[in-house]
Each structure stands twice: as C-alpha cells, then as structure tokens.
Amino acid sequence: HQIRVHFASIGHPVLGDRTYGSKTVVEAGRRKITFPRQMLHAEL
C-alpha cells in the first residue's frame, strides 16, 4: 500500500481509497464527482 500510505500521510489520499482516505466524492463547481474505486493505476 506504499503509494496510498504515503499520500494519505501528507493529507492527499488517493481518490476513492476507503482504507487510507475518505474522498469518494469531490465537489467541482456545481457538480459532484464520485469515485467508486481507488483512482490508482500501474502504467508500467
């Protein structure tokens, strides 16, 4: 969980991470954007 732990520890959890953060919804302008899963992807 390295990335998740590091970013949560500095107050910027991975969006959608229910274990190390609680940001599953963000308010953007007049919209609410939901994140049903962790927004984390291994490109390589």
ModelCIF file with pLDDT and N, C-alpha, C, O atoms, coordinates in Angstrom:
data_MODEL
#
_entry.id   MODEL 
#
_entity.id                         1 
_entity.type                       polymer 
_entity.pdbx_number_of_molecules   1 
#
_entity_poly.entity_id                      1 
_entity_poly.type                           'polypeptide(L)' 
_entity_poly.nstd_linkage                   no 
_entity_poly.nstd_monomer                   no 
_entity_poly.pdbx_seq_one_letter_code       HQIRVHFASIGHPVLGDRTYGSKTVVEAGRRKITFPRQMLHAEL 
_entity_poly.pdbx_seq_one_letter_code_can   HQIRVHFASIGHPVLGDRTYGSKTVVEAGRRKITFPRQMLHAEL 
_entity_poly.pdbx_strand_id                 A 
#
loop_
_entity_poly_seq.entity_id 
_entity_poly_seq.num 
_entity_poly_seq.mon_id 
_entity_poly_seq.hetero 
1 1  HIS n 
1 2  GLN n 
1 3  ILE n 
1 4  ARG n 
1 5  VAL n 
1 6  HIS n 
1 7  PHE n 
1 8  ALA n 
1 9  SER n 
1 10 ILE n 
1 11 GLY n 
1 12 HIS n 
1 13 PRO n 
1 14 VAL n 
1 15 LEU n 
1 16 GLY n 
1 17 ASP n 
1 18 ARG n 
1 19 THR n 
1 20 TYR n 
1 21 GLY n 
1 22 SER n 
1 23 LYS n 
1 24 THR n 
1 25 VAL n 
1 26 VAL n 
1 27 GLU n 
1 28 ALA n 
1 29 GLY n 
1 30 ARG n 
1 31 ARG n 
1 32 LYS n 
1 33 ILE n 
1 34 THR n 
1 35 PHE n 
1 36 PRO n 
1 37 ARG n 
1 38 GLN n 
1 39 MET n 
1 40 LEU n 
1 41 HIS n 
1 42 ALA n 
1 43 GLU n 
1 44 LEU n 
#
_struct_asym.id          A 
_struct_asym.entity_id   1 
#
loop_
_ma_qa_metric.id 
_ma_qa_metric.mode 
_ma_qa_metric.name 
_ma_qa_metric.software_group_id 
_ma_qa_metric.type 
1 global pLDDT . pLDDT 
2 local  pLDDT . pLDDT 
#
_ma_qa_metric_global.metric_id      1 
_ma_qa_metric_global.metric_value   92.64 
_ma_qa_metric_global.model_id       1 
_ma_qa_metric_global.ordinal_id     1 
#
loop_
_ma_qa_metric_local.label_asym_id 
_ma_qa_metric_local.label_comp_id 
_ma_qa_metric_local.label_seq_id 
_ma_qa_metric_local.metric_id 
_ma_qa_metric_local.metric_value 
_ma_qa_metric_local.model_id 
_ma_qa_metric_local.ordinal_id 
A HIS 1  2 93.00 1 1  
A GLN 2  2 94.00 1 2  
A ILE 3  2 94.00 1 3  
A ARG 4  2 94.00 1 4  
A VAL 5  2 94.00 1 5  
A HIS 6  2 94.00 1 6  
A PHE 7  2 94.00 1 7  
A ALA 8  2 94.00 1 8  
A SER 9  2 92.00 1 9  
A ILE 10 2 92.00 1 10 
A GLY 11 2 92.00 1 11 
A HIS 12 2 93.00 1 12 
A PRO 13 2 94.00 1 13 
A VAL 14 2 96.00 1 14 
A LEU 15 2 96.00 1 15 
A GLY 16 2 95.00 1 16 
A ASP 17 2 95.00 1 17 
A ARG 18 2 93.00 1 18 
A THR 19 2 93.00 1 19 
A TYR 20 2 93.00 1 20 
A GLY 21 2 88.00 1 21 
A SER 22 2 85.00 1 22 
A LYS 23 2 84.00 1 23 
A THR 24 2 92.00 1 24 
A VAL 25 2 93.00 1 25 
A VAL 26 2 93.00 1 26 
A GLU 27 2 90.00 1 27 
A ALA 28 2 82.00 1 28 
A GLY 29 2 81.00 1 29 
A ARG 30 2 85.00 1 30 
A ARG 31 2 87.00 1 31 
A LYS 32 2 94.00 1 32 
A ILE 33 2 95.00 1 33 
A THR 34 2 95.00 1 34 
A PHE 35 2 96.00 1 35 
A PRO 36 2 95.00 1 36 
A ARG 37 2 96.00 1 37 
A GLN 38 2 96.00 1 38 
A MET 39 2 96.00 1 39 
A LEU 40 2 96.00 1 40 
A HIS 41 2 97.00 1 41 
A ALA 42 2 95.00 1 42 
A GLU 43 2 95.00 1 43 
A LEU 44 2 95.00 1 44 
#
loop_
_atom_site.group_PDB 
_atom_site.id 
_atom_site.type_symbol 
_atom_site.label_atom_id 
_atom_site.label_alt_id 
_atom_site.label_comp_id 
_atom_site.label_asym_id 
_atom_site.label_entity_id 
_atom_site.label_seq_id 
_atom_site.pdbx_PDB_ins_code 
_atom_site.Cartn_x 
_atom_site.Cartn_y 
_atom_site.Cartn_z 
_atom_site.occupancy 
_atom_site.B_iso_or_equiv 
_atom_site.pdbx_formal_charge 
_atom_site.auth_seq_id 
_atom_site.auth_comp_id 
_atom_site.auth_asym_id 
_atom_site.auth_atom_id 
_atom_site.pdbx_PDB_model_num 
ATOM 1   N N  . HIS A 1 1  ? 0.810   -1.223 0.000   1.00 93.00 ? 1  HIS A N  1 
ATOM 2   C CA . HIS A 1 1  ? 0.000   0.000  0.000   1.00 93.00 ? 1  HIS A CA 1 
ATOM 3   C C  . HIS A 1 1  ? 0.841   1.270  0.000   1.00 93.00 ? 1  HIS A C  1 
ATOM 4   O O  . HIS A 1 1  ? 0.366   2.323  0.426   1.00 93.00 ? 1  HIS A O  1 
ATOM 5   N N  . GLN A 1 2  ? 2.057   1.190  -0.461  1.00 94.00 ? 2  GLN A N  1 
ATOM 6   C CA . GLN A 1 2  ? 3.026   2.283  -0.336  1.00 94.00 ? 2  GLN A CA 1 
ATOM 7   C C  . GLN A 1 2  ? 2.509   3.629  -0.831  1.00 94.00 ? 2  GLN A C  1 
ATOM 8   O O  . GLN A 1 2  ? 2.572   4.614  -0.094  1.00 94.00 ? 2  GLN A O  1 
ATOM 9   N N  . ILE A 1 3  ? 2.004   3.695  -2.046  1.00 94.00 ? 3  ILE A N  1 
ATOM 10  C CA . ILE A 1 3  ? 1.529   4.976  -2.582  1.00 94.00 ? 3  ILE A CA 1 
ATOM 11  C C  . ILE A 1 3  ? 0.369   5.487  -1.747  1.00 94.00 ? 3  ILE A C  1 
ATOM 12  O O  . ILE A 1 3  ? 0.313   6.668  -1.405  1.00 94.00 ? 3  ILE A O  1 
ATOM 13  N N  . ARG A 1 4  ? -0.542  4.607  -1.424  1.00 94.00 ? 4  ARG A N  1 
ATOM 14  C CA . ARG A 1 4  ? -1.720  5.012  -0.654  1.00 94.00 ? 4  ARG A CA 1 
ATOM 15  C C  . ARG A 1 4  ? -1.331  5.546  0.716   1.00 94.00 ? 4  ARG A C  1 
ATOM 16  O O  . ARG A 1 4  ? -1.864  6.564  1.159   1.00 94.00 ? 4  ARG A O  1 
ATOM 17  N N  . VAL A 1 5  ? -0.410  4.869  1.389   1.00 94.00 ? 5  VAL A N  1 
ATOM 18  C CA . VAL A 1 5  ? 0.025   5.291  2.726   1.00 94.00 ? 5  VAL A CA 1 
ATOM 19  C C  . VAL A 1 5  ? 0.771   6.620  2.649   1.00 94.00 ? 5  VAL A C  1 
ATOM 20  O O  . VAL A 1 5  ? 0.507   7.523  3.443   1.00 94.00 ? 5  VAL A O  1 
ATOM 21  N N  . HIS A 1 6  ? 1.692   6.747  1.711   1.00 94.00 ? 6  HIS A N  1 
ATOM 22  C CA . HIS A 1 6  ? 2.471   7.979  1.609   1.00 94.00 ? 6  HIS A CA 1 
ATOM 23  C C  . HIS A 1 6  ? 1.590   9.197  1.351   1.00 94.00 ? 6  HIS A C  1 
ATOM 24  O O  . HIS A 1 6  ? 1.740   10.221 2.017   1.00 94.00 ? 6  HIS A O  1 
ATOM 25  N N  . PHE A 1 7  ? 0.681   9.096  0.398   1.00 94.00 ? 7  PHE A N  1 
ATOM 26  C CA . PHE A 1 7  ? -0.144  10.262 0.084   1.00 94.00 ? 7  PHE A CA 1 
ATOM 27  C C  . PHE A 1 7  ? -1.158  10.558 1.178   1.00 94.00 ? 7  PHE A C  1 
ATOM 28  O O  . PHE A 1 7  ? -1.438  11.726 1.450   1.00 94.00 ? 7  PHE A O  1 
ATOM 29  N N  . ALA A 1 8  ? -1.709  9.545  1.804   1.00 94.00 ? 8  ALA A N  1 
ATOM 30  C CA . ALA A 1 8  ? -2.619  9.792  2.929   1.00 94.00 ? 8  ALA A CA 1 
ATOM 31  C C  . ALA A 1 8  ? -1.878  10.469 4.082   1.00 94.00 ? 8  ALA A C  1 
ATOM 32  O O  . ALA A 1 8  ? -2.440  11.322 4.768   1.00 94.00 ? 8  ALA A O  1 
ATOM 33  N N  . SER A 1 9  ? -0.619  10.089 4.294   1.00 92.00 ? 9  SER A N  1 
ATOM 34  C CA . SER A 1 9  ? 0.136   10.651 5.424   1.00 92.00 ? 9  SER A CA 1 
ATOM 35  C C  . SER A 1 9  ? 0.445   12.125 5.257   1.00 92.00 ? 9  SER A C  1 
ATOM 36  O O  . SER A 1 9  ? 0.709   12.812 6.243   1.00 92.00 ? 9  SER A O  1 
ATOM 37  N N  . ILE A 1 10 ? 0.418   12.631 4.019   1.00 92.00 ? 10 ILE A N  1 
ATOM 38  C CA . ILE A 1 10 ? 0.663   14.067 3.804   1.00 92.00 ? 10 ILE A CA 1 
ATOM 39  C C  . ILE A 1 10 ? -0.638  14.818 3.511   1.00 92.00 ? 10 ILE A C  1 
ATOM 40  O O  . ILE A 1 10 ? -0.619  15.965 3.065   1.00 92.00 ? 10 ILE A O  1 
ATOM 41  N N  . GLY A 1 11 ? -1.771  14.150 3.770   1.00 92.00 ? 11 GLY A N  1 
ATOM 42  C CA . GLY A 1 11 ? -3.065  14.809 3.642   1.00 92.00 ? 11 GLY A CA 1 
ATOM 43  C C  . GLY A 1 11 ? -3.641  14.838 2.242   1.00 92.00 ? 11 GLY A C  1 
ATOM 44  O O  . GLY A 1 11 ? -4.545  15.624 1.957   1.00 92.00 ? 11 GLY A O  1 
ATOM 45  N N  . HIS A 1 12 ? -3.126  13.987 1.362   1.00 93.00 ? 12 HIS A N  1 
ATOM 46  C CA . HIS A 1 12 ? -3.623  13.930 -0.014  1.00 93.00 ? 12 HIS A CA 1 
ATOM 47  C C  . HIS A 1 12 ? -3.897  12.481 -0.406  1.00 93.00 ? 12 HIS A C  1 
ATOM 48  O O  . HIS A 1 12 ? -3.176  11.914 -1.227  1.00 93.00 ? 12 HIS A O  1 
ATOM 49  N N  . PRO A 1 13 ? -4.937  11.876 0.177   1.00 94.00 ? 13 PRO A N  1 
ATOM 50  C CA . PRO A 1 13 ? -5.206  10.468 -0.114  1.00 94.00 ? 13 PRO A CA 1 
ATOM 51  C C  . PRO A 1 13 ? -5.619  10.257 -1.567  1.00 94.00 ? 13 PRO A C  1 
ATOM 52  O O  . PRO A 1 13 ? -6.110  11.171 -2.230  1.00 94.00 ? 13 PRO A O  1 
ATOM 53  N N  . VAL A 1 14 ? -5.413  9.055  -2.039  1.00 96.00 ? 14 VAL A N  1 
ATOM 54  C CA . VAL A 1 14 ? -5.840  8.665  -3.376  1.00 96.00 ? 14 VAL A CA 1 
ATOM 55  C C  . VAL A 1 14 ? -7.370  8.728  -3.412  1.00 96.00 ? 14 VAL A C  1 
ATOM 56  O O  . VAL A 1 14 ? -8.045  8.195  -2.531  1.00 96.00 ? 14 VAL A O  1 
ATOM 57  N N  . LEU A 1 15 ? -7.900  9.384  -4.440  1.00 96.00 ? 15 LEU A N  1 
ATOM 58  C CA . LEU A 1 15 ? -9.355  9.460  -4.561  1.00 96.00 ? 15 LEU A CA 1 
ATOM 59  C C  . LEU A 1 15 ? -9.944  8.059  -4.659  1.00 96.00 ? 15 LEU A C  1 
ATOM 60  O O  . LEU A 1 15 ? -9.427  7.200  -5.373  1.00 96.00 ? 15 LEU A O  1 
ATOM 61  N N  . GLY A 1 16 ? -11.026 7.848  -3.938  1.00 95.00 ? 16 GLY A N  1 
ATOM 62  C CA . GLY A 1 16 ? -11.706 6.554  -3.949  1.00 95.00 ? 16 GLY A CA 1 
ATOM 63  C C  . GLY A 1 16 ? -11.138 5.529  -2.986  1.00 95.00 ? 16 GLY A C  1 
ATOM 64  O O  . GLY A 1 16 ? -11.651 4.413  -2.901  1.00 95.00 ? 16 GLY A O  1 
ATOM 65  N N  . ASP A 1 17 ? -10.087 5.885  -2.257  1.00 95.00 ? 17 ASP A N  1 
ATOM 66  C CA . ASP A 1 17 ? -9.461  4.944  -1.318  1.00 95.00 ? 17 ASP A CA 1 
ATOM 67  C C  . ASP A 1 17 ? -10.211 4.989  0.012   1.00 95.00 ? 17 ASP A C  1 
ATOM 68  O O  . ASP A 1 17 ? -10.099 5.958  0.763   1.00 95.00 ? 17 ASP A O  1 
ATOM 69  N N  . ARG A 1 18 ? -10.965 3.950  0.292   1.00 93.00 ? 18 ARG A N  1 
ATOM 70  C CA . ARG A 1 18 ? -11.784 3.913  1.507   1.00 93.00 ? 18 ARG A CA 1 
ATOM 71  C C  . ARG A 1 18 ? -10.989 3.476  2.739   1.00 93.00 ? 18 ARG A C  1 
ATOM 72  O O  . ARG A 1 18 ? -11.473 3.614  3.863   1.00 93.00 ? 18 ARG A O  1 
ATOM 73  N N  . THR A 1 19 ? -9.789  2.955  2.546   1.00 93.00 ? 19 THR A N  1 
ATOM 74  C CA . THR A 1 19 ? -8.988  2.491  3.674   1.00 93.00 ? 19 THR A CA 1 
ATOM 75  C C  . THR A 1 19 ? -8.134  3.613  4.254   1.00 93.00 ? 19 THR A C  1 
ATOM 76  O O  . THR A 1 19 ? -8.141  3.820  5.467   1.00 93.00 ? 19 THR A O  1 
ATOM 77  N N  . TYR A 1 20 ? -7.407  4.336  3.424   1.00 93.00 ? 20 TYR A N  1 
ATOM 78  C CA . TYR A 1 20 ? -6.481  5.362  3.901   1.00 93.00 ? 20 TYR A CA 1 
ATOM 79  C C  . TYR A 1 20 ? -7.007  6.774  3.707   1.00 93.00 ? 20 TYR A C  1 
ATOM 80  O O  . TYR A 1 20 ? -6.352  7.735  4.110   1.00 93.00 ? 20 TYR A O  1 
ATOM 81  N N  . GLY A 1 21 ? -8.149  6.913  3.112   1.00 88.00 ? 21 GLY A N  1 
ATOM 82  C CA . GLY A 1 21 ? -8.757  8.228  2.912   1.00 88.00 ? 21 GLY A CA 1 
ATOM 83  C C  . GLY A 1 21 ? -10.251 8.047  2.825   1.00 88.00 ? 21 GLY A C  1 
ATOM 84  O O  . GLY A 1 21 ? -10.746 6.920  2.792   1.00 88.00 ? 21 GLY A O  1 
ATOM 85  N N  . SER A 1 22 ? -10.964 9.137  2.789   1.00 85.00 ? 22 SER A N  1 
ATOM 86  C CA . SER A 1 22 ? -12.422 9.001  2.705   1.00 85.00 ? 22 SER A CA 1 
ATOM 87  C C  . SER A 1 22 ? -12.985 9.786  1.527   1.00 85.00 ? 22 SER A C  1 
ATOM 88  O O  . SER A 1 22 ? -14.196 9.988  1.436   1.00 85.00 ? 22 SER A O  1 
ATOM 89  N N  . LYS A 1 23 ? -12.109 10.231 0.622   1.00 84.00 ? 23 LYS A N  1 
ATOM 90  C CA . LYS A 1 23 ? -12.565 11.022 -0.520  1.00 84.00 ? 23 LYS A CA 1 
ATOM 91  C C  . LYS A 1 23 ? -13.095 10.112 -1.619  1.00 84.00 ? 23 LYS A C  1 
ATOM 92  O O  . LYS A 1 23 ? -12.342 9.636  -2.469  1.00 84.00 ? 23 LYS A O  1 
ATOM 93  N N  . THR A 1 24 ? -14.391 9.883  -1.586  1.00 92.00 ? 24 THR A N  1 
ATOM 94  C CA . THR A 1 24 ? -15.033 9.131  -2.656  1.00 92.00 ? 24 THR A CA 1 
ATOM 95  C C  . THR A 1 24 ? -15.914 10.048 -3.497  1.00 92.00 ? 24 THR A C  1 
ATOM 96  O O  . THR A 1 24 ? -16.443 9.635  -4.529  1.00 92.00 ? 24 THR A O  1 
ATOM 97  N N  . VAL A 1 25 ? -16.070 11.306 -3.048  1.00 93.00 ? 25 VAL A N  1 
ATOM 98  C CA . VAL A 1 25 ? -16.833 12.317 -3.779  1.00 93.00 ? 25 VAL A CA 1 
ATOM 99  C C  . VAL A 1 25 ? -16.098 13.640 -3.628  1.00 93.00 ? 25 VAL A C  1 
ATOM 100 O O  . VAL A 1 25 ? -15.655 13.989 -2.534  1.00 93.00 ? 25 VAL A O  1 
ATOM 101 N N  . VAL A 1 26 ? -15.969 14.381 -4.738  1.00 93.00 ? 26 VAL A N  1 
ATOM 102 C CA . VAL A 1 26 ? -15.443 15.745 -4.653  1.00 93.00 ? 26 VAL A CA 1 
ATOM 103 C C  . VAL A 1 26 ? -16.450 16.686 -5.291  1.00 93.00 ? 26 VAL A C  1 
ATOM 104 O O  . VAL A 1 26 ? -17.121 16.339 -6.263  1.00 93.00 ? 26 VAL A O  1 
ATOM 105 N N  . GLU A 1 27 ? -16.541 17.875 -4.730  1.00 90.00 ? 27 GLU A N  1 
ATOM 106 C CA . GLU A 1 27 ? -17.392 18.901 -5.315  1.00 90.00 ? 27 GLU A CA 1 
ATOM 107 C C  . GLU A 1 27 ? -16.536 19.730 -6.242  1.00 90.00 ? 27 GLU A C  1 
ATOM 108 O O  . GLU A 1 27 ? -15.538 20.319 -5.828  1.00 90.00 ? 27 GLU A O  1 
ATOM 109 N N  . ALA A 1 28 ? -16.934 19.771 -7.500  1.00 82.00 ? 28 ALA A N  1 
ATOM 110 C CA . ALA A 1 28 ? -16.196 20.508 -8.521  1.00 82.00 ? 28 ALA A CA 1 
ATOM 111 C C  . ALA A 1 28 ? -17.172 21.470 -9.183  1.00 82.00 ? 28 ALA A C  1 
ATOM 112 O O  . ALA A 1 28 ? -17.999 21.076 -10.005 1.00 82.00 ? 28 ALA A O  1 
ATOM 113 N N  . GLY A 1 29 ? -17.057 22.726 -8.810  1.00 81.00 ? 29 GLY A N  1 
ATOM 114 C CA . GLY A 1 29 ? -18.038 23.690 -9.297  1.00 81.00 ? 29 GLY A CA 1 
ATOM 115 C C  . GLY A 1 29 ? -19.391 23.339 -8.716  1.00 81.00 ? 29 GLY A C  1 
ATOM 116 O O  . GLY A 1 29 ? -19.537 23.211 -7.501  1.00 81.00 ? 29 GLY A O  1 
ATOM 117 N N  . ARG A 1 30 ? -20.369 23.186 -9.571  1.00 85.00 ? 30 ARG A N  1 
ATOM 118 C CA . ARG A 1 30 ? -21.717 22.814 -9.116  1.00 85.00 ? 30 ARG A CA 1 
ATOM 119 C C  . ARG A 1 30 ? -21.961 21.310 -9.207  1.00 85.00 ? 30 ARG A C  1 
ATOM 120 O O  . ARG A 1 30 ? -23.073 20.842 -8.962  1.00 85.00 ? 30 ARG A O  1 
ATOM 121 N N  . ARG A 1 31 ? -20.938 20.569 -9.555  1.00 87.00 ? 31 ARG A N  1 
ATOM 122 C CA . ARG A 1 31 ? -21.064 19.122 -9.751  1.00 87.00 ? 31 ARG A CA 1 
ATOM 123 C C  . ARG A 1 31 ? -20.443 18.353 -8.603  1.00 87.00 ? 31 ARG A C  1 
ATOM 124 O O  . ARG A 1 31 ? -19.537 18.834 -7.922  1.00 87.00 ? 31 ARG A O  1 
ATOM 125 N N  . LYS A 1 32 ? -20.941 17.174 -8.410  1.00 94.00 ? 32 LYS A N  1 
ATOM 126 C CA . LYS A 1 32 ? -20.314 16.215 -7.505  1.00 94.00 ? 32 LYS A CA 1 
ATOM 127 C C  . LYS A 1 32 ? -19.802 15.078 -8.369  1.00 94.00 ? 32 LYS A C  1 
ATOM 128 O O  . LYS A 1 32 ? -20.546 14.490 -9.154  1.00 94.00 ? 32 LYS A O  1 
ATOM 129 N N  . ILE A 1 33 ? -18.510 14.775 -8.213  1.00 95.00 ? 33 ILE A N  1 
ATOM 130 C CA . ILE A 1 33 ? -17.900 13.691 -8.966  1.00 95.00 ? 33 ILE A CA 1 
ATOM 131 C C  . ILE A 1 33 ? -17.626 12.560 -7.989  1.00 95.00 ? 33 ILE A C  1 
ATOM 132 O O  . ILE A 1 33 ? -16.948 12.754 -6.980  1.00 95.00 ? 33 ILE A O  1 
ATOM 133 N N  . THR A 1 34 ? -18.151 11.381 -8.287  1.00 95.00 ? 34 THR A N  1 
ATOM 134 C CA . THR A 1 34 ? -17.962 10.235 -7.394  1.00 95.00 ? 34 THR A CA 1 
ATOM 135 C C  . THR A 1 34 ? -16.843 9.338  -7.910  1.00 95.00 ? 34 THR A C  1 
ATOM 136 O O  . THR A 1 34 ? -16.615 9.221  -9.114  1.00 95.00 ? 34 THR A O  1 
ATOM 137 N N  . PHE A 1 35 ? -16.167 8.724  -6.980  1.00 96.00 ? 35 PHE A N  1 
ATOM 138 C CA . PHE A 1 35 ? -15.055 7.817  -7.285  1.00 96.00 ? 35 PHE A CA 1 
ATOM 139 C C  . PHE A 1 35 ? -15.353 6.481  -6.617  1.00 96.00 ? 35 PHE A C  1 
ATOM 140 O O  . PHE A 1 35 ? -15.066 6.301  -5.434  1.00 96.00 ? 35 PHE A O  1 
ATOM 141 N N  . PRO A 1 36 ? -15.932 5.536  -7.373  1.00 95.00 ? 36 PRO A N  1 
ATOM 142 C CA . PRO A 1 36 ? -16.371 4.268  -6.785  1.00 95.00 ? 36 PRO A CA 1 
ATOM 143 C C  . PRO A 1 36 ? -15.235 3.300  -6.455  1.00 95.00 ? 36 PRO A C  1 
ATOM 144 O O  . PRO A 1 36 ? -15.448 2.286  -5.791  1.00 95.00 ? 36 PRO A O  1 
ATOM 145 N N  . ARG A 1 37 ? -14.030 3.620  -6.923  1.00 96.00 ? 37 ARG A N  1 
ATOM 146 C CA . ARG A 1 37 ? -12.878 2.758  -6.626  1.00 96.00 ? 37 ARG A CA 1 
ATOM 147 C C  . ARG A 1 37 ? -11.645 3.646  -6.514  1.00 96.00 ? 37 ARG A C  1 
ATOM 148 O O  . ARG A 1 37 ? -11.699 4.841  -6.808  1.00 96.00 ? 37 ARG A O  1 
ATOM 149 N N  . GLN A 1 38 ? -10.548 3.057  -6.090  1.00 96.00 ? 38 GLN A N  1 
ATOM 150 C CA . GLN A 1 38 ? -9.288  3.811  -5.994  1.00 96.00 ? 38 GLN A CA 1 
ATOM 151 C C  . GLN A 1 38 ? -8.859  4.291  -7.371  1.00 96.00 ? 38 GLN A C  1 
ATOM 152 O O  . GLN A 1 38 ? -8.851  3.523  -8.334  1.00 96.00 ? 38 GLN A O  1 
ATOM 153 N N  . MET A 1 39 ? -8.510  5.538  -7.455  1.00 96.00 ? 39 MET A N  1 
ATOM 154 C CA . MET A 1 39 ? -8.026  6.096  -8.717  1.00 96.00 ? 39 MET A CA 1 
ATOM 155 C C  . MET A 1 39 ? -6.513  5.918  -8.761  1.00 96.00 ? 39 MET A C  1 
ATOM 156 O O  . MET A 1 39 ? -5.745  6.877  -8.680  1.00 96.00 ? 39 MET A O  1 
ATOM 157 N N  . LEU A 1 40 ? -6.123  4.680  -8.890  1.00 96.00 ? 40 LEU A N  1 
ATOM 158 C CA . LEU A 1 40 ? -4.724  4.289  -8.871  1.00 96.00 ? 40 LEU A CA 1 
ATOM 159 C C  . LEU A 1 40 ? -4.517  3.278  -9.991  1.00 96.00 ? 40 LEU A C  1 
ATOM 160 O O  . LEU A 1 40 ? -5.254  2.298  -10.096 1.00 96.00 ? 40 LEU A O  1 
ATOM 161 N N  . HIS A 1 41 ? -3.514  3.520  -10.822 1.00 97.00 ? 41 HIS A N  1 
ATOM 162 C CA . HIS A 1 41 ? -3.276  2.643  -11.969 1.00 97.00 ? 41 HIS A CA 1 
ATOM 163 C C  . HIS A 1 41 ? -1.776  2.453  -12.166 1.00 97.00 ? 41 HIS A C  1 
ATOM 164 O O  . HIS A 1 41 ? -1.013  3.418  -12.123 1.00 97.00 ? 41 HIS A O  1 
ATOM 165 N N  . ALA A 1 42 ? -1.362  1.224  -12.378 1.00 95.00 ? 42 ALA A N  1 
ATOM 166 C CA . ALA A 1 42 ? 0.041   0.926  -12.674 1.00 95.00 ? 42 ALA A CA 1 
ATOM 167 C C  . ALA A 1 42 ? 0.211   0.924  -14.190 1.00 95.00 ? 42 ALA A C  1 
ATOM 168 O O  . ALA A 1 42 ? -0.168  -0.029 -14.870 1.00 95.00 ? 42 ALA A O  1 
ATOM 169 N N  . GLU A 1 43 ? 0.778   1.992  -14.698 1.00 95.00 ? 43 GLU A N  1 
ATOM 170 C CA . GLU A 1 43 ? 1.011   2.078  -16.143 1.00 95.00 ? 43 GLU A CA 1 
ATOM 171 C C  . GLU A 1 43 ? 2.126   1.134  -16.578 1.00 95.00 ? 43 GLU A C  1 
ATOM 172 O O  . GLU A 1 43 ? 2.077   0.562  -17.667 1.00 95.00 ? 43 GLU A O  1 
ATOM 173 N N  . LEU A 1 44 ? 3.128   0.977  -15.722 1.00 95.00 ? 44 LEU A N  1 
ATOM 174 C CA . LEU A 1 44 ? 4.276   0.139  -16.048 1.00 95.00 ? 44 LEU A CA 1 
ATOM 175 C C  . LEU A 1 44 ? 4.680   -0.674 -14.827 1.00 95.00 ? 44 LEU A C  1 
ATOM 176 O O  . LEU A 1 44 ? 5.634   -1.450 -14.891 1.00 95.00 ? 44 LEU A O  1 
#
